[in-house]
PDB file of all heavy atoms in Angstrom:
ATOM      1  N   MET A   1      84.060  32.188  77.988  1.00  0.00           N
ATOM      2  CA  MET A   1      84.108  31.052  77.065  1.00  0.00           C
ATOM      3  C   MET A   1      83.389  29.839  77.643  1.00  0.00           C
ATOM      4  O   MET A   1      82.890  28.982  76.907  1.00  0.00           O
ATOM      5  CB  MET A   1      85.565  30.708  76.753  1.00  0.00           C
ATOM      6  CG  MET A   1      86.310  31.810  75.999  1.00  0.00           C
ATOM      7  SD  MET A   1      88.083  31.493  75.865  1.00  0.00           S
ATOM      8  CE  MET A   1      88.078  30.148  74.678  1.00  0.00           C
ATOM      9  N   GLN A   2      83.353  29.764  78.953  1.00  0.00           N
ATOM     10  CA  GLN A   2      82.641  28.671  79.616  1.00  0.00           C
ATOM     11  C   GLN A   2      81.214  29.070  79.970  1.00  0.00           C
ATOM     12  O   GLN A   2      80.286  28.269  79.854  1.00  0.00           O
ATOM     13  CB  GLN A   2      83.391  28.278  80.900  1.00  0.00           C
ATOM     14  CG  GLN A   2      84.804  27.786  80.650  1.00  0.00           C
ATOM     15  CD  GLN A   2      85.630  27.735  81.923  1.00  0.00           C
ATOM     16  OE1 GLN A   2      85.555  26.781  82.700  1.00  0.00           O
ATOM     17  NE2 GLN A   2      86.426  28.765  82.157  1.00  0.00           N
ATOM     18  N   TYR A   3      81.033  30.299  80.394  1.00  0.00           N
ATOM     19  CA  TYR A   3      79.732  30.716  80.893  1.00  0.00           C
ATOM     20  C   TYR A   3      78.697  30.841  79.772  1.00  0.00           C
ATOM     21  O   TYR A   3      77.507  30.632  79.998  1.00  0.00           O
ATOM     22  CB  TYR A   3      79.863  32.047  81.637  1.00  0.00           C
ATOM     23  CG  TYR A   3      78.820  32.234  82.705  1.00  0.00           C
ATOM     24  CD1 TYR A   3      78.702  31.315  83.744  1.00  0.00           C
ATOM     25  CD2 TYR A   3      77.955  33.319  82.693  1.00  0.00           C
ATOM     26  CE1 TYR A   3      77.748  31.468  84.730  1.00  0.00           C
ATOM     27  CE2 TYR A   3      77.000  33.484  83.679  1.00  0.00           C
ATOM     28  CZ  TYR A   3      76.908  32.559  84.700  1.00  0.00           C
ATOM     29  OH  TYR A   3      75.952  32.712  85.673  1.00  0.00           O
ATOM     30  N   GLY A   4      79.149  31.173  78.560  1.00  0.00           N
ATOM     31  CA  GLY A   4      78.226  31.280  77.444  1.00  0.00           C
ATOM     32  C   GLY A   4      77.507  29.971  77.142  1.00  0.00           C
ATOM     33  O   GLY A   4      76.275  29.911  77.117  1.00  0.00           O
ATOM     34  N   PRO A   5      78.238  28.863  76.917  1.00  0.00           N
ATOM     35  CA  PRO A   5      77.579  27.584  76.610  1.00  0.00           C
ATOM     36  C   PRO A   5      77.126  26.807  77.839  1.00  0.00           C
ATOM     37  O   PRO A   5      76.487  25.762  77.708  1.00  0.00           O
ATOM     38  CB  PRO A   5      78.670  26.801  75.873  1.00  0.00           C
ATOM     39  CG  PRO A   5      79.950  27.325  76.440  1.00  0.00           C
ATOM     40  CD  PRO A   5      79.703  28.783  76.720  1.00  0.00           C
ATOM     41  N   GLN A   6      77.450  27.295  79.021  1.00  0.00           N
ATOM     42  CA  GLN A   6      77.227  26.506  80.235  1.00  0.00           C
ATOM     43  C   GLN A   6      75.762  26.164  80.484  1.00  0.00           C
ATOM     44  O   GLN A   6      75.419  25.041  80.878  1.00  0.00           O
ATOM     45  CB  GLN A   6      77.789  27.247  81.447  1.00  0.00           C
ATOM     46  CG  GLN A   6      77.729  26.477  82.740  1.00  0.00           C
ATOM     47  CD  GLN A   6      78.275  27.308  83.884  1.00  0.00           C
ATOM     48  OE1 GLN A   6      77.554  28.072  84.492  1.00  0.00           O
ATOM     49  NE2 GLN A   6      79.571  27.183  84.156  1.00  0.00           N
ATOM     50  N   ALA A   7      74.868  27.132  80.252  1.00  0.00           N
ATOM     51  CA  ALA A   7      73.450  26.905  80.530  1.00  0.00           C
ATOM     52  C   ALA A   7      72.921  25.732  79.713  1.00  0.00           C
ATOM     53  O   ALA A   7      72.274  24.826  80.249  1.00  0.00           O
ATOM     54  CB  ALA A   7      72.648  28.169  80.224  1.00  0.00           C
ATOM     55  N   ALA A   8      73.201  25.742  78.420  1.00  0.00           N
ATOM     56  CA  ALA A   8      72.730  24.655  77.568  1.00  0.00           C
ATOM     57  C   ALA A   8      73.429  23.343  77.906  1.00  0.00           C
ATOM     58  O   ALA A   8      72.803  22.272  77.922  1.00  0.00           O
ATOM     59  CB  ALA A   8      72.952  25.005  76.097  1.00  0.00           C
ATOM     60  N   LEU A   9      74.722  23.404  78.180  1.00  0.00           N
ATOM     61  CA  LEU A   9      75.484  22.197  78.490  1.00  0.00           C
ATOM     62  C   LEU A   9      74.910  21.480  79.708  1.00  0.00           C
ATOM     63  O   LEU A   9      74.740  20.250  79.697  1.00  0.00           O
ATOM     64  CB  LEU A   9      76.955  22.564  78.753  1.00  0.00           C
ATOM     65  CG  LEU A   9      77.894  21.420  79.132  1.00  0.00           C
ATOM     66  CD1 LEU A   9      78.020  20.432  77.986  1.00  0.00           C
ATOM     67  CD2 LEU A   9      79.261  21.960  79.536  1.00  0.00           C
ATOM     68  N   ILE A  10      74.572  22.232  80.754  1.00  0.00           N
ATOM     69  CA  ILE A  10      74.044  21.623  81.974  1.00  0.00           C
ATOM     70  C   ILE A  10      72.576  21.251  81.816  1.00  0.00           C
ATOM     71  O   ILE A  10      72.155  20.132  82.137  1.00  0.00           O
ATOM     72  CB  ILE A  10      74.242  22.567  83.173  1.00  0.00           C
ATOM     73  CG1 ILE A  10      75.743  22.733  83.478  1.00  0.00           C
ATOM     74  CG2 ILE A  10      73.505  22.042  84.398  1.00  0.00           C
ATOM     75  CD1 ILE A  10      76.042  23.712  84.595  1.00  0.00           C
ATOM     76  N   ALA A  11      71.770  22.182  81.320  1.00  0.00           N
ATOM     77  CA  ALA A  11      70.321  21.962  81.279  1.00  0.00           C
ATOM     78  C   ALA A  11      69.933  20.821  80.346  1.00  0.00           C
ATOM     79  O   ALA A  11      68.964  20.100  80.610  1.00  0.00           O
ATOM     80  CB  ALA A  11      69.612  23.245  80.857  1.00  0.00           C
ATOM     81  N   GLU A  12      70.662  20.633  79.251  1.00  0.00           N
ATOM     82  CA  GLU A  12      70.340  19.557  78.323  1.00  0.00           C
ATOM     83  C   GLU A  12      70.659  18.168  78.890  1.00  0.00           C
ATOM     84  O   GLU A  12      70.288  17.156  78.307  1.00  0.00           O
ATOM     85  CB  GLU A  12      71.081  19.748  77.001  1.00  0.00           C
ATOM     86  CG  GLU A  12      70.484  20.840  76.138  1.00  0.00           C
ATOM     87  CD  GLU A  12      71.181  20.979  74.796  1.00  0.00           C
ATOM     88  OE1 GLU A  12      72.349  20.543  74.672  1.00  0.00           O
ATOM     89  OE2 GLU A  12      70.552  21.523  73.880  1.00  0.00           O
ATOM     90  N   SER A  13      71.314  18.135  80.026  1.00  0.00           N
ATOM     91  CA  SER A  13      71.644  16.851  80.652  1.00  0.00           C
ATOM     92  C   SER A  13      70.473  16.267  81.428  1.00  0.00           C
ATOM     93  O   SER A  13      70.573  15.147  81.942  1.00  0.00           O
ATOM     94  CB  SER A  13      72.846  17.019  81.593  1.00  0.00           C
ATOM     95  OG  SER A  13      73.997  17.458  80.891  1.00  0.00           O
ATOM     96  N   PHE A  14      69.357  17.028  81.514  1.00  0.00           N
ATOM     97  CA  PHE A  14      68.214  16.587  82.306  1.00  0.00           C
ATOM     98  C   PHE A  14      66.936  16.661  81.473  1.00  0.00           C
ATOM     99  O   PHE A  14      66.775  17.567  80.650  1.00  0.00           O
ATOM    100  CB  PHE A  14      68.072  17.462  83.553  1.00  0.00           C
ATOM    101  CG  PHE A  14      69.287  17.461  84.435  1.00  0.00           C
ATOM    102  CD1 PHE A  14      70.297  18.399  84.262  1.00  0.00           C
ATOM    103  CD2 PHE A  14      69.431  16.501  85.428  1.00  0.00           C
ATOM    104  CE1 PHE A  14      71.429  18.397  85.068  1.00  0.00           C
ATOM    105  CE2 PHE A  14      70.558  16.486  86.239  1.00  0.00           C
ATOM    106  CZ  PHE A  14      71.559  17.428  86.055  1.00  0.00           C
ATOM    107  N   PRO A  15      66.003  15.718  81.671  1.00  0.00           N
ATOM    108  CA  PRO A  15      64.729  15.755  80.941  1.00  0.00           C
ATOM    109  C   PRO A  15      63.856  16.911  81.432  1.00  0.00           C
ATOM    110  O   PRO A  15      64.052  17.426  82.537  1.00  0.00           O
ATOM    111  CB  PRO A  15      64.102  14.407  81.263  1.00  0.00           C
ATOM    112  CG  PRO A  15      64.691  14.013  82.581  1.00  0.00           C
ATOM    113  CD  PRO A  15      66.086  14.552  82.576  1.00  0.00           C
ATOM    114  N   THR A  16      62.865  17.272  80.622  1.00  0.00           N
ATOM    115  CA  THR A  16      62.024  18.437  80.919  1.00  0.00           C
ATOM    116  C   THR A  16      61.400  18.375  82.300  1.00  0.00           C
ATOM    117  O   THR A  16      61.433  19.359  83.046  1.00  0.00           O
ATOM    118  CB  THR A  16      60.909  18.557  79.865  1.00  0.00           C
ATOM    119  OG1 THR A  16      61.504  18.712  78.582  1.00  0.00           O
ATOM    120  CG2 THR A  16      60.013  19.743  80.151  1.00  0.00           C
ATOM    121  N   ARG A  17      60.833  17.244  82.677  1.00  0.00           N
ATOM    122  CA  ARG A  17      60.085  17.178  83.933  1.00  0.00           C
ATOM    123  C   ARG A  17      60.981  17.226  85.159  1.00  0.00           C
ATOM    124  O   ARG A  17      60.494  17.378  86.279  1.00  0.00           O
ATOM    125  CB  ARG A  17      59.218  15.924  83.969  1.00  0.00           C
ATOM    126  CG  ARG A  17      59.966  14.610  83.895  1.00  0.00           C
ATOM    127  CD  ARG A  17      58.989  13.439  83.831  1.00  0.00           C
ATOM    128  NE  ARG A  17      59.649  12.164  83.703  1.00  0.00           N
ATOM    129  CZ  ARG A  17      60.020  11.622  82.556  1.00  0.00           C
ATOM    130  NH1 ARG A  17      59.800  12.281  81.423  1.00  0.00           N
ATOM    131  NH2 ARG A  17      60.599  10.437  82.514  1.00  0.00           N
ATOM    132  N   ARG A  18      62.313  17.132  84.967  1.00  0.00           N
ATOM    133  CA  ARG A  18      63.244  17.260  86.094  1.00  0.00           C
ATOM    134  C   ARG A  18      64.334  18.285  85.808  1.00  0.00           C
ATOM    135  O   ARG A  18      65.334  18.336  86.524  1.00  0.00           O
ATOM    136  CB  ARG A  18      63.883  15.892  86.403  1.00  0.00           C
ATOM    137  CG  ARG A  18      62.895  14.839  86.861  1.00  0.00           C
ATOM    138  CD  ARG A  18      63.602  13.602  87.390  1.00  0.00           C
ATOM    139  NE  ARG A  18      64.376  12.912  86.357  1.00  0.00           N
ATOM    140  CZ  ARG A  18      63.873  12.004  85.524  1.00  0.00           C
ATOM    141  NH1 ARG A  18      62.592  11.682  85.594  1.00  0.00           N
ATOM    142  NH2 ARG A  18      64.622  11.414  84.620  1.00  0.00           N
ATOM    143  N   ARG A  19      64.131  19.102  84.796  1.00  0.00           N
ATOM    144  CA  ARG A  19      65.201  20.001  84.357  1.00  0.00           C
ATOM    145  C   ARG A  19      65.474  21.129  85.350  1.00  0.00           C
ATOM    146  O   ARG A  19      66.627  21.461  85.626  1.00  0.00           O
ATOM    147  CB  ARG A  19      64.860  20.571  82.987  1.00  0.00           C
ATOM    148  CG  ARG A  19      65.949  21.493  82.410  1.00  0.00           C
ATOM    149  CD  ARG A  19      65.688  21.784  80.955  1.00  0.00           C
ATOM    150  NE  ARG A  19      65.889  20.590  80.150  1.00  0.00           N
ATOM    151  CZ  ARG A  19      65.109  20.227  79.141  1.00  0.00           C
ATOM    152  NH1 ARG A  19      64.043  20.954  78.829  1.00  0.00           N
ATOM    153  NH2 ARG A  19      65.361  19.123  78.462  1.00  0.00           N
ATOM    154  N   TYR A  20      64.429  21.750  85.859  1.00  0.00           N
ATOM    155  CA  TYR A  20      64.619  22.853  86.814  1.00  0.00           C
ATOM    156  C   TYR A  20      65.385  22.349  88.036  1.00  0.00           C
ATOM    157  O   TYR A  20      66.352  22.964  88.483  1.00  0.00           O
ATOM    158  CB  TYR A  20      63.249  23.418  87.208  1.00  0.00           C
ATOM    159  CG  TYR A  20      63.247  24.799  87.834  1.00  0.00           C
ATOM    160  CD1 TYR A  20      62.224  25.697  87.544  1.00  0.00           C
ATOM    161  CD2 TYR A  20      64.227  25.211  88.727  1.00  0.00           C
ATOM    162  CE1 TYR A  20      62.180  26.968  88.107  1.00  0.00           C
ATOM    163  CE2 TYR A  20      64.200  26.475  89.297  1.00  0.00           C
ATOM    164  CZ  TYR A  20      63.164  27.342  88.992  1.00  0.00           C
ATOM    165  OH  TYR A  20      63.132  28.595  89.556  1.00  0.00           O
ATOM    166  N   SER A  21      64.963  21.199  88.569  1.00  0.00           N
ATOM    167  CA  SER A  21      65.610  20.626  89.755  1.00  0.00           C
ATOM    168  C   SER A  21      67.047  20.216  89.463  1.00  0.00           C
ATOM    169  O   SER A  21      67.970  20.578  90.200  1.00  0.00           O
ATOM    170  CB  SER A  21      64.821  19.415  90.255  1.00  0.00           C
ATOM    171  OG  SER A  21      63.518  19.770  90.635  1.00  0.00           O
ATOM    172  N   GLY A  22      67.243  19.457  88.392  1.00  0.00           N
ATOM    173  CA  GLY A  22      68.563  18.920  88.097  1.00  0.00           C
ATOM    174  C   GLY A  22      69.575  19.977  87.717  1.00  0.00           C
ATOM    175  O   GLY A  22      70.683  20.018  88.266  1.00  0.00           O
ATOM    176  N   ALA A  23      69.203  20.840  86.778  1.00  0.00           N
ATOM    177  CA  ALA A  23      70.134  21.875  86.333  1.00  0.00           C
ATOM    178  C   ALA A  23      70.448  22.836  87.466  1.00  0.00           C
ATOM    179  O   ALA A  23      71.607  23.211  87.681  1.00  0.00           O
ATOM    180  CB  ALA A  23      69.541  22.626  85.139  1.00  0.00           C
ATOM    181  N   GLY A  24      69.417  23.253  88.205  1.00  0.00           N
ATOM    182  CA  GLY A  24      69.642  24.195  89.300  1.00  0.00           C
ATOM    183  C   GLY A  24      70.513  23.611  90.393  1.00  0.00           C
ATOM    184  O   GLY A  24      71.431  24.269  90.896  1.00  0.00           O
ATOM    185  N   LEU A  25      70.259  22.359  90.773  1.00  0.00           N
ATOM    186  CA  LEU A  25      71.045  21.740  91.840  1.00  0.00           C
ATOM    187  C   LEU A  25      72.489  21.528  91.412  1.00  0.00           C
ATOM    188  O   LEU A  25      73.427  21.832  92.169  1.00  0.00           O
ATOM    189  CB  LEU A  25      70.403  20.414  92.237  1.00  0.00           C
ATOM    190  CG  LEU A  25      71.006  19.712  93.455  1.00  0.00           C
ATOM    191  CD1 LEU A  25      70.905  20.605  94.681  1.00  0.00           C
ATOM    192  CD2 LEU A  25      70.293  18.384  93.710  1.00  0.00           C
ATOM    193  N   GLY A  26      72.700  21.002  90.199  1.00  0.00           N
ATOM    194  CA  GLY A  26      74.066  20.798  89.733  1.00  0.00           C
ATOM    195  C   GLY A  26      74.839  22.099  89.649  1.00  0.00           C
ATOM    196  O   GLY A  26      76.004  22.188  90.070  1.00  0.00           O
ATOM    197  N   TYR A  27      74.186  23.120  89.114  1.00  0.00           N
ATOM    198  CA  TYR A  27      74.823  24.434  88.971  1.00  0.00           C
ATOM    199  C   TYR A  27      75.170  25.027  90.327  1.00  0.00           C
ATOM    200  O   TYR A  27      76.275  25.532  90.540  1.00  0.00           O
ATOM    201  CB  TYR A  27      73.874  25.349  88.211  1.00  0.00           C
ATOM    202  CG  TYR A  27      74.354  26.756  87.986  1.00  0.00           C
ATOM    203  CD1 TYR A  27      75.090  27.087  86.848  1.00  0.00           C
ATOM    204  CD2 TYR A  27      74.059  27.766  88.876  1.00  0.00           C
ATOM    205  CE1 TYR A  27      75.525  28.381  86.621  1.00  0.00           C
ATOM    206  CE2 TYR A  27      74.481  29.074  88.667  1.00  0.00           C
ATOM    207  CZ  TYR A  27      75.205  29.367  87.538  1.00  0.00           C
ATOM    208  OH  TYR A  27      75.629  30.664  87.327  1.00  0.00           O
ATOM    209  N   GLN A  28      74.251  24.964  91.275  1.00  0.00           N
ATOM    210  CA  GLN A  28      74.452  25.655  92.548  1.00  0.00           C
ATOM    211  C   GLN A  28      75.310  24.880  93.537  1.00  0.00           C
ATOM    212  O   GLN A  28      75.891  25.481  94.451  1.00  0.00           O
ATOM    213  CB  GLN A  28      73.097  25.978  93.188  1.00  0.00           C
ATOM    214  CG  GLN A  28      72.189  26.860  92.355  1.00  0.00           C
ATOM    215  CD  GLN A  28      72.767  28.253  92.095  1.00  0.00           C
ATOM    216  OE1 GLN A  28      73.844  28.603  92.583  1.00  0.00           O
ATOM    217  NE2 GLN A  28      72.058  29.050  91.314  1.00  0.00           N
ATOM    218  N   LEU A  29      75.434  23.575  93.386  1.00  0.00           N
ATOM    219  CA  LEU A  29      76.317  22.824  94.281  1.00  0.00           C
ATOM    220  C   LEU A  29      77.761  23.310  94.186  1.00  0.00           C
ATOM    221  O   LEU A  29      78.506  23.249  95.167  1.00  0.00           O
ATOM    222  CB  LEU A  29      76.249  21.325  93.956  1.00  0.00           C
ATOM    223  CG  LEU A  29      75.137  20.522  94.631  1.00  0.00           C
ATOM    224  CD1 LEU A  29      75.156  19.091  94.136  1.00  0.00           C
ATOM    225  CD2 LEU A  29      75.275  20.571  96.145  1.00  0.00           C
ATOM    226  N   ALA A  30      78.128  23.797  93.004  1.00  0.00           N
ATOM    227  CA  ALA A  30      79.487  24.315  92.836  1.00  0.00           C
ATOM    228  C   ALA A  30      79.766  25.482  93.760  1.00  0.00           C
ATOM    229  O   ALA A  30      80.925  25.742  94.118  1.00  0.00           O
ATOM    230  CB  ALA A  30      79.703  24.726  91.376  1.00  0.00           C
ATOM    231  N   SER A  31      78.724  26.192  94.156  1.00  0.00           N
ATOM    232  CA  SER A  31      78.908  27.352  95.021  1.00  0.00           C
ATOM    233  C   SER A  31      79.501  26.968  96.366  1.00  0.00           C
ATOM    234  O   SER A  31      80.182  27.773  96.994  1.00  0.00           O
ATOM    235  CB  SER A  31      77.554  28.047  95.236  1.00  0.00           C
ATOM    236  OG  SER A  31      76.971  28.411  94.006  1.00  0.00           O
ATOM    237  N   VAL A  32      79.241  25.746  96.818  1.00  0.00           N
ATOM    238  CA  VAL A  32      79.708  25.313  98.134  1.00  0.00           C
ATOM    239  C   VAL A  32      81.221  25.140  98.158  1.00  0.00           C
ATOM    240  O   VAL A  32      81.892  25.530  99.115  1.00  0.00           O
ATOM    241  CB  VAL A  32      79.009  24.001  98.541  1.00  0.00           C
ATOM    242  CG1 VAL A  32      79.527  23.510  99.887  1.00  0.00           C
ATOM    243  CG2 VAL A  32      77.500  24.197  98.591  1.00  0.00           C
ATOM    244  N   PHE A  33      81.787  24.574  97.093  1.00  0.00           N
ATOM    245  CA  PHE A  33      83.225  24.276  97.114  1.00  0.00           C
ATOM    246  C   PHE A  33      84.029  25.086  96.097  1.00  0.00           C
ATOM    247  O   PHE A  33      85.259  24.995  96.084  1.00  0.00           O
ATOM    248  CB  PHE A  33      83.467  22.779  96.864  1.00  0.00           C
ATOM    249  CG  PHE A  33      82.862  22.247  95.603  1.00  0.00           C
ATOM    250  CD1 PHE A  33      83.482  22.420  94.381  1.00  0.00           C
ATOM    251  CD2 PHE A  33      81.649  21.574  95.625  1.00  0.00           C
ATOM    252  CE1 PHE A  33      82.921  21.927  93.209  1.00  0.00           C
ATOM    253  CE2 PHE A  33      81.083  21.065  94.465  1.00  0.00           C
ATOM    254  CZ  PHE A  33      81.721  21.249  93.258  1.00  0.00           C
ATOM    255  N   ALA A  34      83.369  25.879  95.263  1.00  0.00           N
ATOM    256  CA  ALA A  34      84.091  26.662  94.255  1.00  0.00           C
ATOM    257  C   ALA A  34      83.957  28.164  94.519  1.00  0.00           C
ATOM    258  O   ALA A  34      84.886  28.806  95.008  1.00  0.00           O
ATOM    259  CB  ALA A  34      83.573  26.316  92.856  1.00  0.00           C
ATOM    260  N   GLY A  35      82.808  28.733  94.210  1.00  0.00           N
ATOM    261  CA  GLY A  35      82.649  30.179  94.294  1.00  0.00           C
ATOM    262  C   GLY A  35      82.726  30.738  95.692  1.00  0.00           C
ATOM    263  O   GLY A  35      83.427  31.724  95.958  1.00  0.00           O
ATOM    264  N   GLY A  36      82.007  30.123  96.638  1.00  0.00           N
ATOM    265  CA  GLY A  36      81.963  30.659  97.990  1.00  0.00           C
ATOM    266  C   GLY A  36      83.315  30.709  98.676  1.00  0.00           C
ATOM    267  O   GLY A  36      83.716  31.763  99.197  1.00  0.00           O
ATOM    268  N   PRO A  37      84.057  29.601  98.712  1.00  0.00           N
ATOM    269  CA  PRO A  37      85.344  29.620  99.423  1.00  0.00           C
ATOM    270  C   PRO A  37      86.465  30.344  98.680  1.00  0.00           C
ATOM    271  O   PRO A  37      87.516  30.593  99.280  1.00  0.00           O
ATOM    272  CB  PRO A  37      85.682  28.122  99.545  1.00  0.00           C
ATOM    273  CG  PRO A  37      84.421  27.390  99.237  1.00  0.00           C
ATOM    274  CD  PRO A  37      83.669  28.258  98.295  1.00  0.00           C
TER     275      PRO A  37
END
């Protein structure tokens, strides 16, 4: 229920010229304190 809309929810928060950087960094930072541990 979260993972389906998650890509659009995060990626739309950043403009095109910074979208890859912003969406990828925000998404992957969670790995440090959420998924990994």
